[in-house]
Amino acid sequence: MPENSQELTGLGYPLEVTIRYGAVEKRITGKPEDVAKEAVAFMTSIVPKLELASRLVLSVDLDHLAKACEGVISTTPEGLVVTVQTQSLSDRELLLLQLAKARIAEMLGKSKSDTVQASELVASTKRSSGTVAGRLSELCTESLAERRGKGEYHITTLGLSLFQEVVLPKLKQTRGGM
């Protein structure tokens, strides 16, 4: 112990440090040199893992999605509307469009829920209930949509990402035709 132990008492032995990096938190308590060593060991261990994990996370940014939807989907007092022709879309893509609209409306605060009833999908796509049921089953099997409750469906993050990468570009090609 150093000669002037009164000075050390004022420094607050043991030292306590909390490190927050993203969603990870580490609390380290002990002698300053031990805390420093453990903090460095923690950072050199966790930071590369978190950076790697962050590259594997799939998410859809609302601002980016809204910009991507410009000229294709618009908001009105009645809700979201598609402002381009949709004839070039397959049945699956048409369902993804309707499910994406519901998710976007919910994200924008225009709707309380991101789910759509199967009967609403039949009406909005003008496809038979058998076609809609079959395509919804495929979308759910591929984790592009999920069933929520009886006859209710919503688009997954993977489905929303596919919508943004595949369906939106098709719709943008038809912009002038409506």
C-alpha atoms as a PDB file:
ATOM      1  CA  MET A   1       0.000   0.000   0.000  1.00  0.00           C
ATOM      2  CA  PRO A   2       1.382   3.481  -0.802  1.00  0.00           C
ATOM      3  CA  GLU A   3       2.662   5.628   2.039  1.00  0.00           C
ATOM      4  CA  ASN A   4      -0.237   8.050   1.995  1.00  0.00           C
ATOM      5  CA  SER A   5      -3.206   5.715   2.441  1.00  0.00           C
ATOM      6  CA  GLN A   6      -5.539   8.625   3.186  1.00  0.00           C
ATOM      7  CA  GLU A   7      -5.175   9.802  -0.405  1.00  0.00           C
ATOM      8  CA  LEU A   8      -6.144   6.329  -1.682  1.00  0.00           C
ATOM      9  CA  THR A   9      -9.191   6.211   0.560  1.00  0.00           C
ATOM     10  CA  GLY A  10     -10.455   9.321  -1.215  1.00  0.00           C
ATOM     11  CA  LEU A  11     -10.049   7.596  -4.576  1.00  0.00           C
ATOM     12  CA  GLY A  12     -12.732   5.077  -3.645  1.00  0.00           C
ATOM     13  CA  TYR A  13     -11.170   1.634  -3.507  1.00  0.00           C
ATOM     14  CA  PRO A  14     -12.394  -0.640  -4.958  1.00  0.00           C
ATOM     15  CA  LEU A  15     -12.707   0.900  -8.397  1.00  0.00           C
ATOM     16  CA  GLU A  16     -15.947   0.148 -10.215  1.00  0.00           C
ATOM     17  CA  VAL A  17     -16.297   0.576 -13.970  1.00  0.00           C
ATOM     18  CA  THR A  18     -19.293  -0.146 -16.195  1.00  0.00           C
ATOM     19  CA  ILE A  19     -18.688  -0.638 -19.912  1.00  0.00           C
ATOM     20  CA  ARG A  20     -21.618  -0.441 -22.335  1.00  0.00           C
ATOM     21  CA  TYR A  21     -21.094  -1.375 -25.943  1.00  0.00           C
ATOM     22  CA  GLY A  22     -24.277  -1.784 -27.963  1.00  0.00           C
ATOM     23  CA  ALA A  23     -26.600  -4.015 -25.956  1.00  0.00           C
ATOM     24  CA  VAL A  24     -23.752  -5.571 -23.945  1.00  0.00           C
ATOM     25  CA  GLU A  25     -22.897  -4.278 -20.506  1.00  0.00           C
ATOM     26  CA  LYS A  26     -20.003  -5.341 -18.258  1.00  0.00           C
ATOM     27  CA  ARG A  27     -19.440  -4.170 -14.675  1.00  0.00           C
ATOM     28  CA  ILE A  28     -15.905  -4.577 -13.331  1.00  0.00           C
ATOM     29  CA  THR A  29     -14.920  -3.964  -9.697  1.00  0.00           C
ATOM     30  CA  GLY A  30     -11.500  -4.224  -8.069  1.00  0.00           C
ATOM     31  CA  LYS A  31      -8.079  -2.644  -7.866  1.00  0.00           C
ATOM     32  CA  PRO A  32      -7.446  -0.110 -10.648  1.00  0.00           C
ATOM     33  CA  GLU A  33      -4.783  -2.243 -12.344  1.00  0.00           C
ATOM     34  CA  ASP A  34      -7.048  -5.326 -12.237  1.00  0.00           C
ATOM     35  CA  VAL A  35     -10.009  -3.347 -13.556  1.00  0.00           C
ATOM     36  CA  ALA A  36      -7.870  -1.950 -16.376  1.00  0.00           C
ATOM     37  CA  LYS A  37      -6.651  -5.420 -17.392  1.00  0.00           C
ATOM     38  CA  GLU A  38     -10.146  -6.904 -17.306  1.00  0.00           C
ATOM     39  CA  ALA A  39     -11.594  -3.953 -19.242  1.00  0.00           C
ATOM     40  CA  VAL A  40      -8.989  -4.323 -21.983  1.00  0.00           C
ATOM     41  CA  ALA A  41      -9.536  -8.105 -22.104  1.00  0.00           C
ATOM     42  CA  PHE A  42     -13.306  -7.582 -22.326  1.00  0.00           C
ATOM     43  CA  MET A  43     -13.039  -5.009 -25.104  1.00  0.00           C
ATOM     44  CA  THR A  44     -10.602  -7.031 -27.206  1.00  0.00           C
ATOM     45  CA  SER A  45     -12.838 -10.072 -26.796  1.00  0.00           C
ATOM     46  CA  ILE A  46     -16.310  -8.605 -27.272  1.00  0.00           C
ATOM     47  CA  VAL A  47     -15.847  -5.824 -29.842  1.00  0.00           C
ATOM     48  CA  PRO A  48     -14.813  -8.076 -32.755  1.00  0.00           C
ATOM     49  CA  LYS A  49     -17.667 -10.473 -31.933  1.00  0.00           C
ATOM     50  CA  LEU A  50     -20.215  -7.649 -31.841  1.00  0.00           C
ATOM     51  CA  GLU A  51     -18.915  -6.184 -35.085  1.00  0.00           C
ATOM     52  CA  LEU A  52     -19.196  -9.599 -36.743  1.00  0.00           C
ATOM     53  CA  ALA A  53     -22.674 -10.145 -35.289  1.00  0.00           C
ATOM     54  CA  SER A  54     -23.811  -6.693 -36.443  1.00  0.00           C
ATOM     55  CA  ARG A  55     -22.949  -7.676 -40.027  1.00  0.00           C
ATOM     56  CA  LEU A  56     -25.301 -10.643 -39.704  1.00  0.00           C
ATOM     57  CA  VAL A  57     -28.307  -8.679 -38.449  1.00  0.00           C
ATOM     58  CA  LEU A  58     -31.109  -8.185 -40.962  1.00  0.00           C
ATOM     59  CA  SER A  59     -33.132  -5.052 -40.420  1.00  0.00           C
ATOM     60  CA  VAL A  60     -35.121  -2.646 -42.542  1.00  0.00           C
ATOM     61  CA  ASP A  61     -34.622   1.045 -41.888  1.00  0.00           C
ATOM     62  CA  LEU A  62     -37.925   2.961 -42.018  1.00  0.00           C
ATOM     63  CA  ASP A  63     -36.368   6.098 -43.542  1.00  0.00           C
ATOM     64  CA  HIS A  64     -34.645   4.100 -46.276  1.00  0.00           C
ATOM     65  CA  LEU A  65     -37.819   2.109 -46.961  1.00  0.00           C
ATOM     66  CA  ALA A  66     -39.946   5.269 -47.130  1.00  0.00           C
ATOM     67  CA  LYS A  67     -37.535   6.819 -49.645  1.00  0.00           C
ATOM     68  CA  ALA A  68     -37.542   3.613 -51.669  1.00  0.00           C
ATOM     69  CA  CYS A  69     -41.362   3.668 -51.776  1.00  0.00           C
ATOM     70  CA  GLU A  70     -41.559   7.225 -53.158  1.00  0.00           C
ATOM     71  CA  GLY A  71     -43.635   7.288 -56.323  1.00  0.00           C
ATOM     72  CA  VAL A  72     -45.020   3.806 -55.641  1.00  0.00           C
ATOM     73  CA  ILE A  73     -46.833   4.009 -52.302  1.00  0.00           C
ATOM     74  CA  SER A  74     -48.429   7.187 -50.981  1.00  0.00           C
ATOM     75  CA  THR A  75     -50.208   8.067 -47.798  1.00  0.00           C
ATOM     76  CA  THR A  76     -53.703   9.541 -47.954  1.00  0.00           C
ATOM     77  CA  PRO A  77     -56.257  10.380 -45.258  1.00  0.00           C
ATOM     78  CA  GLU A  78     -57.786   6.963 -45.988  1.00  0.00           C
ATOM     79  CA  GLY A  79     -54.488   5.112 -45.583  1.00  0.00           C
ATOM     80  CA  LEU A  80     -51.661   3.920 -47.812  1.00  0.00           C
ATOM     81  CA  VAL A  81     -52.326   3.476 -51.528  1.00  0.00           C
ATOM     82  CA  VAL A  82     -50.335   2.024 -54.387  1.00  0.00           C
ATOM     83  CA  THR A  83     -49.979   4.646 -57.116  1.00  0.00           C
ATOM     84  CA  VAL A  84     -48.660   2.401 -59.897  1.00  0.00           C
ATOM     85  CA  GLN A  85     -50.026  -0.534 -61.866  1.00  0.00           C
ATOM     86  CA  THR A  86     -49.456  -3.940 -60.289  1.00  0.00           C
ATOM     87  CA  GLN A  87     -50.292  -6.268 -63.208  1.00  0.00           C
ATOM     88  CA  SER A  88     -46.623  -7.191 -63.690  1.00  0.00           C
ATOM     89  CA  LEU A  89     -46.439  -8.723 -60.196  1.00  0.00           C
ATOM     90  CA  SER A  90     -46.806 -12.427 -59.485  1.00  0.00           C
ATOM     91  CA  ASP A  91     -49.426 -13.521 -56.953  1.00  0.00           C
ATOM     92  CA  ARG A  92     -46.715 -13.885 -54.293  1.00  0.00           C
ATOM     93  CA  GLU A  93     -45.314 -10.418 -55.017  1.00  0.00           C
ATOM     94  CA  LEU A  94     -48.795  -8.926 -54.915  1.00  0.00           C
ATOM     95  CA  LEU A  95     -49.351 -10.459 -51.469  1.00  0.00           C
ATOM     96  CA  LEU A  96     -45.964  -9.173 -50.295  1.00  0.00           C
ATOM     97  CA  LEU A  97     -46.991  -5.714 -51.498  1.00  0.00           C
ATOM     98  CA  GLN A  98     -50.221  -5.788 -49.494  1.00  0.00           C
ATOM     99  CA  LEU A  99     -48.469  -7.145 -46.391  1.00  0.00           C
ATOM    100  CA  ALA A 100     -45.692  -4.551 -46.759  1.00  0.00           C
ATOM    101  CA  LYS A 101     -48.291  -1.772 -47.043  1.00  0.00           C
ATOM    102  CA  ALA A 102     -49.793  -2.879 -43.739  1.00  0.00           C
ATOM    103  CA  ARG A 103     -46.374  -2.946 -42.060  1.00  0.00           C
ATOM    104  CA  ILE A 104     -45.413   0.466 -43.446  1.00  0.00           C
ATOM    105  CA  ALA A 105     -48.775   1.934 -42.354  1.00  0.00           C
ATOM    106  CA  GLU A 106     -48.175   0.609 -38.842  1.00  0.00           C
ATOM    107  CA  MET A 107     -44.577   1.918 -38.806  1.00  0.00           C
ATOM    108  CA  LEU A 108     -45.813   5.368 -39.876  1.00  0.00           C
ATOM    109  CA  GLY A 109     -48.517   5.400 -37.217  1.00  0.00           C
ATOM    110  CA  LYS A 110     -51.319   5.220 -39.819  1.00  0.00           C
ATOM    111  CA  SER A 111     -52.541   1.857 -38.479  1.00  0.00           C
ATOM    112  CA  LYS A 112     -52.597   0.186 -35.077  1.00  0.00           C
ATOM    113  CA  SER A 113     -51.641  -3.203 -36.494  1.00  0.00           C
ATOM    114  CA  ASP A 114     -49.405  -4.618 -39.195  1.00  0.00           C
ATOM    115  CA  THR A 115     -51.614  -7.657 -39.735  1.00  0.00           C
ATOM    116  CA  VAL A 116     -53.947  -8.253 -42.657  1.00  0.00           C
ATOM    117  CA  GLN A 117     -56.903 -10.616 -42.770  1.00  0.00           C
ATOM    118  CA  ALA A 118     -56.794 -13.257 -45.508  1.00  0.00           C
ATOM    119  CA  SER A 119     -60.213 -12.013 -46.657  1.00  0.00           C
ATOM    120  CA  GLU A 120     -58.781  -8.482 -47.070  1.00  0.00           C
ATOM    121  CA  LEU A 121     -55.951  -9.926 -49.167  1.00  0.00           C
ATOM    122  CA  VAL A 122     -58.483 -11.683 -51.398  1.00  0.00           C
ATOM    123  CA  ALA A 123     -60.353  -8.401 -51.884  1.00  0.00           C
ATOM    124  CA  SER A 124     -57.295  -6.206 -52.435  1.00  0.00           C
ATOM    125  CA  THR A 125     -55.498  -8.580 -54.807  1.00  0.00           C
ATOM    126  CA  LYS A 126     -58.624  -9.715 -56.671  1.00  0.00           C
ATOM    127  CA  ARG A 127     -57.339 -13.299 -56.473  1.00  0.00           C
ATOM    128  CA  SER A 128     -59.346 -16.337 -55.416  1.00  0.00           C
ATOM    129  CA  SER A 129     -59.308 -17.408 -51.792  1.00  0.00           C
ATOM    130  CA  GLY A 130     -57.585 -20.650 -52.843  1.00  0.00           C
ATOM    131  CA  THR A 131     -54.802 -18.764 -54.628  1.00  0.00           C
ATOM    132  CA  VAL A 132     -54.321 -16.413 -51.676  1.00  0.00           C
ATOM    133  CA  ALA A 133     -54.288 -19.298 -49.175  1.00  0.00           C
ATOM    134  CA  GLY A 134     -51.767 -21.230 -51.254  1.00  0.00           C
ATOM    135  CA  ARG A 135     -49.416 -18.285 -51.722  1.00  0.00           C
ATOM    136  CA  LEU A 136     -49.690 -17.286 -48.046  1.00  0.00           C
ATOM    137  CA  SER A 137     -48.753 -20.827 -47.081  1.00  0.00           C
ATOM    138  CA  GLU A 138     -45.669 -20.603 -49.336  1.00  0.00           C
ATOM    139  CA  LEU A 139     -44.707 -17.196 -47.920  1.00  0.00           C
ATOM    140  CA  CYS A 140     -45.015 -18.532 -44.370  1.00  0.00           C
ATOM    141  CA  THR A 141     -42.970 -21.637 -45.200  1.00  0.00           C
ATOM    142  CA  GLU A 142     -40.220 -19.382 -46.571  1.00  0.00           C
ATOM    143  CA  SER A 143     -40.364 -17.102 -43.464  1.00  0.00           C
ATOM    144  CA  LEU A 144     -41.453 -14.140 -45.593  1.00  0.00           C
ATOM    145  CA  ALA A 145     -44.768 -13.876 -43.738  1.00  0.00           C
ATOM    146  CA  GLU A 146     -46.183 -15.178 -40.468  1.00  0.00           C
ATOM    147  CA  ARG A 147     -49.647 -16.172 -39.420  1.00  0.00           C
ATOM    148  CA  ARG A 148     -50.938 -14.235 -36.443  1.00  0.00           C
ATOM    149  CA  GLY A 149     -54.231 -15.341 -35.073  1.00  0.00           C
ATOM    150  CA  LYS A 150     -57.003 -16.880 -37.120  1.00  0.00           C
ATOM    151  CA  GLY A 151     -56.679 -15.777 -40.724  1.00  0.00           C
ATOM    152  CA  GLU A 152     -54.343 -12.870 -39.926  1.00  0.00           C
ATOM    153  CA  TYR A 153     -50.920 -12.475 -41.520  1.00  0.00           C
ATOM    154  CA  HIS A 154     -48.033 -10.063 -41.328  1.00  0.00           C
ATOM    155  CA  ILE A 155     -44.811  -9.636 -43.273  1.00  0.00           C
ATOM    156  CA  THR A 156     -41.547 -10.593 -41.575  1.00  0.00           C
ATOM    157  CA  THR A 157     -38.361  -8.541 -41.668  1.00  0.00           C
ATOM    158  CA  LEU A 158     -37.033 -10.981 -44.266  1.00  0.00           C
ATOM    159  CA  GLY A 159     -40.205 -10.491 -46.310  1.00  0.00           C
ATOM    160  CA  LEU A 160     -39.945  -6.720 -46.025  1.00  0.00           C
ATOM    161  CA  SER A 161     -36.321  -6.873 -47.159  1.00  0.00           C
ATOM    162  CA  LEU A 162     -37.289  -9.026 -50.169  1.00  0.00           C
ATOM    163  CA  PHE A 163     -40.142  -6.629 -50.945  1.00  0.00           C
ATOM    164  CA  GLN A 164     -37.697  -3.723 -50.940  1.00  0.00           C
ATOM    165  CA  GLU A 165     -35.089  -5.505 -53.078  1.00  0.00           C
ATOM    166  CA  VAL A 166     -37.307  -7.347 -55.584  1.00  0.00           C
ATOM    167  CA  VAL A 167     -40.884  -6.044 -55.658  1.00  0.00           C
ATOM    168  CA  LEU A 168     -40.264  -2.290 -55.355  1.00  0.00           C
ATOM    169  CA  PRO A 169     -37.916  -2.170 -58.368  1.00  0.00           C
ATOM    170  CA  LYS A 170     -40.580  -3.929 -60.479  1.00  0.00           C
ATOM    171  CA  LEU A 171     -43.188  -1.426 -59.341  1.00  0.00           C
ATOM    172  CA  LYS A 172     -40.913   1.537 -60.072  1.00  0.00           C
ATOM    173  CA  GLN A 173     -40.588   0.341 -63.671  1.00  0.00           C
ATOM    174  CA  THR A 174     -44.368   0.741 -64.095  1.00  0.00           C
ATOM    175  CA  ARG A 175     -44.514   4.232 -62.543  1.00  0.00           C
ATOM    176  CA  GLY A 176     -45.666   6.027 -65.678  1.00  0.00           C
ATOM    177  CA  GLY A 177     -48.413   3.566 -66.542  1.00  0.00           C
ATOM    178  CA  MET A 178     -51.202   4.411 -64.103  1.00  0.00           C
END
